[in-house]
Protein backbone atom coordinates (compact mmCIF):
# COMPACT_ATOMS: atom_id res chain seq x y z
CA MET A 1 47.43 21.54 8.46
CA GLY A 2 46.25 24.82 9.84
CA SER A 3 44.92 23.43 13.14
CA SER A 4 47.85 24.59 14.70
CA ILE A 5 46.03 28.11 14.84
CA LYS A 6 42.89 27.21 16.43
CA TRP A 7 39.84 29.78 16.19
CA ASN A 8 39.53 31.98 18.93
CA ASP A 9 35.94 32.12 20.62
CA GLU A 10 36.83 35.59 22.72
CA VAL A 11 36.66 37.59 19.76
CA LYS A 12 34.45 40.53 20.28
CA ILE A 13 35.76 43.14 17.18
CA ILE A 14 37.62 41.56 14.42
CA ILE A 15 39.84 44.30 11.57
CA SER A 16 40.18 42.96 8.70
CA ASP A 17 42.08 43.85 5.01
CA VAL A 18 39.90 43.53 2.34
CA ASP A 19 41.61 42.66 -0.86
CA GLU A 20 42.98 39.06 -1.03
CA THR A 21 41.73 38.52 2.76
CA ILE A 22 38.21 38.72 2.30
CA ALA A 23 37.73 38.84 -1.48
CA ASP A 24 40.09 38.72 -4.40
CA LEU A 25 41.04 42.10 -5.69
CA TYR A 26 37.77 44.07 -7.98
CA VAL A 27 35.37 41.54 -7.53
CA SER A 28 32.42 40.35 -4.98
CA ALA A 29 33.44 38.43 -2.05
CA GLU A 30 32.37 34.59 -2.44
CA PRO A 31 28.90 32.80 -1.43
CA GLU A 32 30.01 31.23 1.08
CA MET A 33 32.73 34.13 2.67
CA ILE A 34 29.44 36.17 3.01
CA LYS A 35 27.38 33.40 4.66
CA ARG A 36 29.97 33.09 7.55
CA LEU A 37 30.40 36.43 7.70
CA GLU A 38 26.95 37.27 8.65
CA THR A 39 26.97 34.42 11.17
CA LEU A 40 30.11 36.61 13.10
CA LEU A 41 27.86 39.70 12.92
CA GLU A 42 24.72 37.65 14.17
CA GLU A 43 26.75 36.84 16.89
CA GLY A 44 27.08 40.34 18.03
CA LYS A 45 30.64 40.66 17.22
CA MET A 46 31.99 44.09 15.40
CA LEU A 47 33.35 43.64 12.10
CA PHE A 48 35.60 46.61 10.95
CA LEU A 49 37.32 46.64 7.61
CA ILE A 50 40.21 48.21 6.33
CA SER A 51 41.30 48.74 2.84
CA GLY A 52 43.20 51.52 0.50
CA GLN A 53 39.69 50.84 -1.80
CA SER A 54 37.13 53.58 -1.74
CA VAL A 55 34.34 53.07 0.41
CA GLN A 56 32.00 52.58 -2.85
CA SER A 57 33.94 49.58 -3.53
CA ILE A 58 33.72 47.69 0.05
CA GLN A 59 30.36 48.06 -0.12
CA LYS A 60 29.38 46.84 -4.23
CA ARG A 61 31.79 43.69 -3.32
CA ILE A 62 31.16 43.00 0.33
CA VAL A 63 28.48 45.22 2.48
CA ASN A 64 25.67 45.04 -0.04
CA HIS A 65 25.81 41.66 0.05
CA ILE A 66 25.29 41.36 3.70
CA LYS A 67 21.78 41.17 5.09
CA LYS A 68 20.73 45.11 6.06
CA GLU A 69 19.89 43.81 9.39
CA LEU A 70 23.58 43.07 9.89
CA ARG A 71 25.40 46.16 8.84
CA ARG A 72 25.55 47.56 11.69
CA GLN A 73 27.74 45.73 13.39
CA ILE A 74 30.28 46.91 10.35
CA ILE A 75 32.66 50.02 10.26
CA ILE A 76 34.41 50.57 7.01
CA GLY A 77 38.14 52.51 7.40
CA HIS A 78 38.55 53.56 3.70
CA CYS A 79 41.41 54.86 1.46
CA SER A 80 43.74 53.54 4.99
CA GLY A 81 42.38 55.01 6.75
CA ALA A 82 41.37 58.36 5.64
CA GLU A 83 37.61 58.28 6.51
CA VAL A 84 35.88 55.76 8.74
CA TRP A 85 31.92 55.25 8.01
CA GLY A 86 29.37 53.46 9.84
CA PHE A 87 25.55 51.87 9.01
CA ASN A 88 22.30 53.27 10.09
CA LYS A 89 19.92 50.49 11.49
CA ASP A 90 18.08 50.62 7.59
CA GLY A 91 21.37 49.17 6.42
CA ASN A 92 22.29 52.22 4.52
CA LEU A 93 25.87 53.94 4.96
CA GLN A 94 25.33 56.93 7.54
CA VAL A 95 24.93 60.42 5.95
CA LYS A 96 28.62 61.65 7.39
CA PRO A 97 31.88 59.80 8.68
CA PHE A 98 32.88 59.23 11.82
CA TYR A 99 36.00 61.62 10.92
CA SER A 100 37.50 62.51 7.52
CA LEU A 101 41.10 64.26 7.36
CA TYR A 102 40.61 64.71 3.69
CA GLU A 103 37.20 66.89 3.92
CA ASN A 104 38.81 68.54 7.27
CA CYS A 105 42.44 69.28 6.03
CA PHE A 106 42.12 69.99 2.39
CA SER A 107 41.18 72.84 0.73
CA THR A 108 39.69 72.65 -2.58
CA TYR A 109 43.20 74.04 -3.99
CA GLN A 110 44.76 71.28 -2.97
CA LYS A 111 42.39 68.74 -4.23
CA LYS A 112 42.75 69.71 -7.88
CA LYS A 113 46.57 70.38 -7.98
CA TRP A 114 46.86 66.93 -6.73
CA ARG A 115 44.96 65.70 -9.35
CA GLU A 116 46.90 67.90 -12.10
CA ILE A 117 50.19 66.62 -10.59
CA ILE A 118 48.41 62.53 -10.67
CA LYS A 119 47.86 63.22 -14.93
CA GLN A 120 51.73 65.37 -15.18
CA LEU A 121 52.81 61.88 -13.68
CA ILE A 122 50.91 59.81 -16.26
CA SER A 123 51.56 61.84 -19.08
CA GLU A 124 55.81 61.69 -18.39
CA PHE A 125 55.93 58.07 -17.50
CA LYS A 126 53.79 57.15 -21.04
CA LEU A 127 51.11 55.23 -19.02
CA LYS A 128 48.28 53.71 -20.85
CA VAL A 129 45.57 54.23 -18.43
CA PHE A 130 42.87 51.70 -17.92
CA SER A 131 39.27 51.70 -15.40
CA THR A 132 39.65 48.93 -12.73
CA MET A 133 38.86 45.92 -13.15
CA PRO A 134 39.05 42.32 -11.94
CA ILE A 135 42.99 41.40 -12.93
CA LYS A 136 41.73 38.55 -15.78
CA GLU A 137 39.44 40.99 -17.26
CA PHE A 138 42.81 43.50 -17.65
CA GLU A 139 45.40 41.37 -18.54
CA LYS A 140 43.19 40.72 -22.06
CA LYS A 141 42.98 44.06 -22.96
CA ALA A 142 46.02 45.10 -21.81
CA GLY A 143 48.44 42.26 -22.08
CA ASP A 144 51.89 42.57 -21.01
CA ASN A 145 52.30 46.35 -21.95
CA PRO A 146 54.01 47.25 -18.86
CA LEU A 147 53.00 50.64 -18.70
CA ALA A 148 49.40 49.86 -18.68
CA ILE A 149 48.39 51.00 -15.72
CA MET A 150 44.58 50.82 -13.39
CA VAL A 151 43.89 53.96 -12.03
CA GLU A 152 41.57 54.69 -9.42
CA TYR A 153 40.37 58.02 -7.77
CA ARG A 154 38.89 57.29 -4.11
CA GLY A 155 38.46 60.84 -2.93
CA PRO A 156 41.09 61.07 0.39
CA GLN A 157 43.27 58.14 -1.78
CA ILE A 158 44.74 57.89 -5.81
CA THR A 159 45.74 54.37 -6.71
CA PHE A 160 47.92 53.39 -9.27
CA GLU A 161 47.52 49.21 -9.94
CA ILE A 162 51.01 48.51 -12.15
CA VAL A 163 49.76 44.86 -13.11
CA ASN A 164 52.48 44.61 -15.60
CA GLY A 165 55.12 46.59 -14.14
CA TYR A 166 56.30 45.76 -10.40
CA LYS A 167 58.45 42.68 -11.70
CA LEU A 168 60.01 43.60 -14.44
CA SER A 169 62.32 41.32 -17.19
CA SER A 170 65.19 42.71 -18.75
CA GLU A 171 63.35 42.25 -21.84
CA LYS A 172 60.48 45.20 -20.65
CA ILE A 173 63.34 47.02 -18.75
CA ASN A 174 64.59 47.97 -21.90
CA GLU A 175 61.57 48.13 -24.16
CA ILE A 176 60.76 50.81 -21.18
CA LYS A 177 63.58 52.77 -21.77
CA LYS A 178 63.22 53.18 -25.30
CA ILE A 179 60.05 54.58 -24.32
CA ILE A 180 61.58 56.59 -21.32
CA PRO A 181 65.68 57.29 -22.00
CA LYS A 182 65.77 59.19 -18.97
CA ILE A 183 63.84 56.56 -16.78
CA GLY A 184 67.57 55.13 -15.34
CA VAL A 185 67.60 51.99 -13.33
CA ILE A 186 64.61 49.65 -12.73
CA ASN A 187 63.46 46.48 -12.03
CA ASP A 188 60.21 47.87 -11.01
CA LEU A 189 58.55 50.87 -12.27
CA ARG A 190 56.40 51.86 -9.34
CA ILE A 191 60.12 53.24 -7.85
CA PRO A 192 60.37 56.06 -10.47
CA ILE A 193 57.24 56.67 -10.05
CA LEU A 194 57.23 57.14 -6.37
CA ASN A 195 60.52 59.11 -6.34
CA ARG A 196 59.16 62.14 -8.83
CA ALA A 197 55.57 62.17 -7.36
CA GLU A 198 57.74 62.89 -4.03
CA LYS A 199 59.41 65.87 -5.61
CA LEU A 200 56.01 66.63 -7.74
CA PHE A 201 54.45 67.24 -4.31
CA LYS A 202 57.17 68.96 -2.29
CA GLU A 203 56.84 71.61 -4.88
CA ALA A 204 53.54 71.99 -4.06
CA LYS A 205 53.97 71.69 -0.69
CA LEU A 206 50.90 68.77 -0.69
CA PRO A 207 50.55 66.70 2.09
CA ILE A 208 50.41 63.55 -0.33
CA THR A 209 52.86 60.53 0.14
CA PRO A 210 53.37 57.80 -2.00
CA ARG A 211 54.19 54.53 -0.97
CA LEU A 212 54.02 50.54 -2.41
CA ALA A 213 51.28 48.77 -1.48
CA GLY A 214 49.51 45.83 -1.59
CA VAL A 215 51.39 43.56 -4.40
CA PHE A 216 51.59 46.09 -7.27
CA ALA A 217 49.93 48.64 -6.33
CA LEU A 218 51.09 52.77 -5.63
CA ASP A 219 49.23 54.59 -3.31
CA PHE A 220 49.02 58.19 -3.28
CA THR A 221 47.60 58.80 0.21
CA ILE A 222 47.39 61.86 2.68
CA LYS A 223 50.46 62.25 4.39
CA GLY A 224 50.48 60.84 8.09
CA VAL A 225 47.86 58.48 7.30
CA SER A 226 47.89 54.66 7.86
CA LYS A 227 45.75 51.82 8.38
CA THR A 228 46.81 52.65 12.78
CA THR A 229 45.07 55.88 11.98
CA SER A 230 41.87 54.72 11.78
CA ILE A 231 42.47 51.56 14.61
CA LYS A 232 43.16 54.04 17.21
CA TYR A 233 40.67 57.04 16.55
CA VAL A 234 38.11 54.27 16.36
CA VAL A 235 39.51 51.59 19.58
CA LYS A 236 39.96 55.38 21.94
CA ASN A 237 36.28 56.69 20.66
CA ASP A 238 34.03 55.95 23.53
CA ALA A 239 31.03 56.84 21.44
CA ILE A 240 31.75 54.81 18.44
CA LEU A 241 32.31 51.94 20.65
CA SER A 242 29.05 52.35 22.69
CA GLU A 243 27.15 51.77 19.20
CA PHE A 244 28.89 48.34 19.49
CA ASP A 245 28.64 47.20 23.44
CA LEU A 246 32.23 47.68 23.90
CA THR A 247 34.16 49.56 25.94
CA LYS A 248 38.34 50.68 25.73
CA GLU A 249 38.84 48.17 29.23
CA LEU A 250 37.64 45.30 27.01
CA LEU A 251 39.60 46.13 24.63
CA ASN A 252 42.12 45.71 26.99
CA ASN A 253 42.08 41.89 26.80
CA PRO A 254 44.09 41.36 23.79
CA ARG A 255 41.88 38.00 23.36
CA ASN A 256 38.89 40.35 22.48
CA ILE A 257 40.35 41.60 18.98
CA GLU A 258 42.02 39.89 16.10
CA ILE A 259 43.64 41.18 12.87
CA TRP A 260 42.96 39.22 9.44
CA GLY A 261 45.43 40.64 6.23
CA ASP A 262 47.95 39.05 3.92
CA LYS A 263 50.79 41.34 4.29
CA PHE A 264 52.80 42.11 6.89
CA SER A 265 56.43 42.80 5.55
CA LYS A 266 57.94 45.88 6.23
CA ILE A 267 59.85 45.29 3.70
CA ARG A 268 57.51 45.07 0.34
CA GLY A 269 54.48 47.45 1.01
CA GLY A 270 52.37 45.61 3.34
CA THR A 271 50.53 47.99 4.75
CA ASP A 272 48.64 45.46 7.23
CA ARG A 273 51.36 46.11 9.27
CA TYR A 274 49.85 49.04 10.38
CA MET A 275 46.94 47.30 11.92
CA SER A 276 49.46 45.34 13.99
CA GLU A 277 51.15 48.44 14.73
CA ALA A 278 47.77 50.64 16.15
CA LEU A 279 47.07 47.80 19.37
CA PRO A 280 49.11 46.11 22.10
CA LYS A 281 51.72 43.08 20.82
CA GLU A 282 49.88 40.30 22.21
CA VAL A 283 46.74 40.82 19.89
CA ARG A 284 46.73 38.15 17.12
CA SER A 285 47.16 39.06 13.62
CA ILE A 286 46.86 36.15 11.25
CA SER A 287 48.55 36.81 7.53
CA PHE A 288 46.66 34.80 5.04
CA ARG A 289 49.55 35.08 2.45
CA LYS A 290 52.97 32.84 2.90
CA GLU A 291 55.08 35.35 4.24
CA ASN A 292 58.88 35.65 5.51
CA PRO A 293 58.12 36.04 9.25
CA LYS A 294 61.31 37.70 9.50
CA GLU A 295 60.20 40.60 7.68
CA PHE A 296 57.73 41.56 9.88
CA PRO A 297 57.58 43.98 12.69
CA LYS A 298 59.65 42.48 15.88
CA GLY A 299 57.58 41.55 19.09
CA TYR A 300 54.26 41.33 17.58
CA ASN A 301 52.02 38.83 17.60
CA ILE A 302 51.81 38.05 14.05
CA VAL A 303 51.12 34.45 12.55
CA ILE A 304 50.79 32.66 9.28
CA TRP A 305 48.18 30.60 8.63
CA ASN A 306 49.33 26.92 7.50
CA GLY A 307 46.36 25.47 6.37
CA LYS A 308 46.29 23.83 2.56
CA LYS A 309 44.39 27.24 1.34
CA HIS A 310 45.93 30.75 1.20
CA LEU A 311 44.34 34.68 0.71
CA HIS A 312 40.89 34.62 0.96
CA LYS A 313 40.61 30.64 0.46
CA GLY A 314 42.61 30.71 3.24
CA LEU A 315 40.51 32.52 5.37
CA LEU A 316 37.67 30.83 4.73
CA GLU A 317 39.41 27.38 5.90
CA TYR A 318 40.38 29.65 8.85
CA LEU A 319 36.46 30.44 9.84
CA LYS A 320 35.97 26.45 8.82
CA THR A 321 37.54 25.74 12.32
CA SER A 322 35.04 27.10 13.96
CA SER A 323 32.34 25.23 15.07
CA LYS A 324 29.96 27.91 15.42
CA ILE A 325 30.52 29.13 11.84
């Protein structure tokens, strides 16, 4: 039963991951989820969506389904916090982000070189590239080919979704070694790609970090940027907080903030832990995935939802524990 985790009536700002927390990967949030998020926004709560996905993806799958008059209560930290965007009174994306590390820190040459290295990685590892799509659709098109991946260029981040290559059987490892004899010892295709990328970025003197993310993703992100970056920027910015009738003093109370995610593990590419690490340890973070709490950062108030359902369906189950929504 999930009854031991009670709804927090005091919460004023909800900081949430998107993929597998609010919606399944590359699909829109369910209508019931949208309805319950709208109720939270109508109560005046602020919803801070942070994801490795692009702002366009988050708009298409989540925000565009929400009533226009409520969107001003939403901000988006996309590409793991490289940029933070808000919405105007008409419900449209603001003309400029609150900040952009990508536009402020990268030259035209660096942007071009970054993409050249990505193409080199695809060539060296004989990867078969698909556009992003729901996983079931990808599986129909790509089968179980371990070298088939989805690639998305998100501006401040580039992502490989290595759906068939992150948990390789001995049969699949041998299959890859026949195609790439020098690949070495592998059981997760992301690791040799990550190691090669690190070397290429270092040689090119590009401030890019490849890192494991989600269940099977490999993100190429701006060095030093994480979900921590965007949260710290927002909670310390009086101008942004005032737009939502929030203050730094109000946020000193950990009950006024809550974090939703699905992967807080320090050893399994858990990028949601960076949300927890941006705030006081007393702030409650709820993981809607079955995780091992021993893998969480120590001392943080990270709890595992113990209802009957998990991931975005678990979040819906949690939302139903509130009499108001």
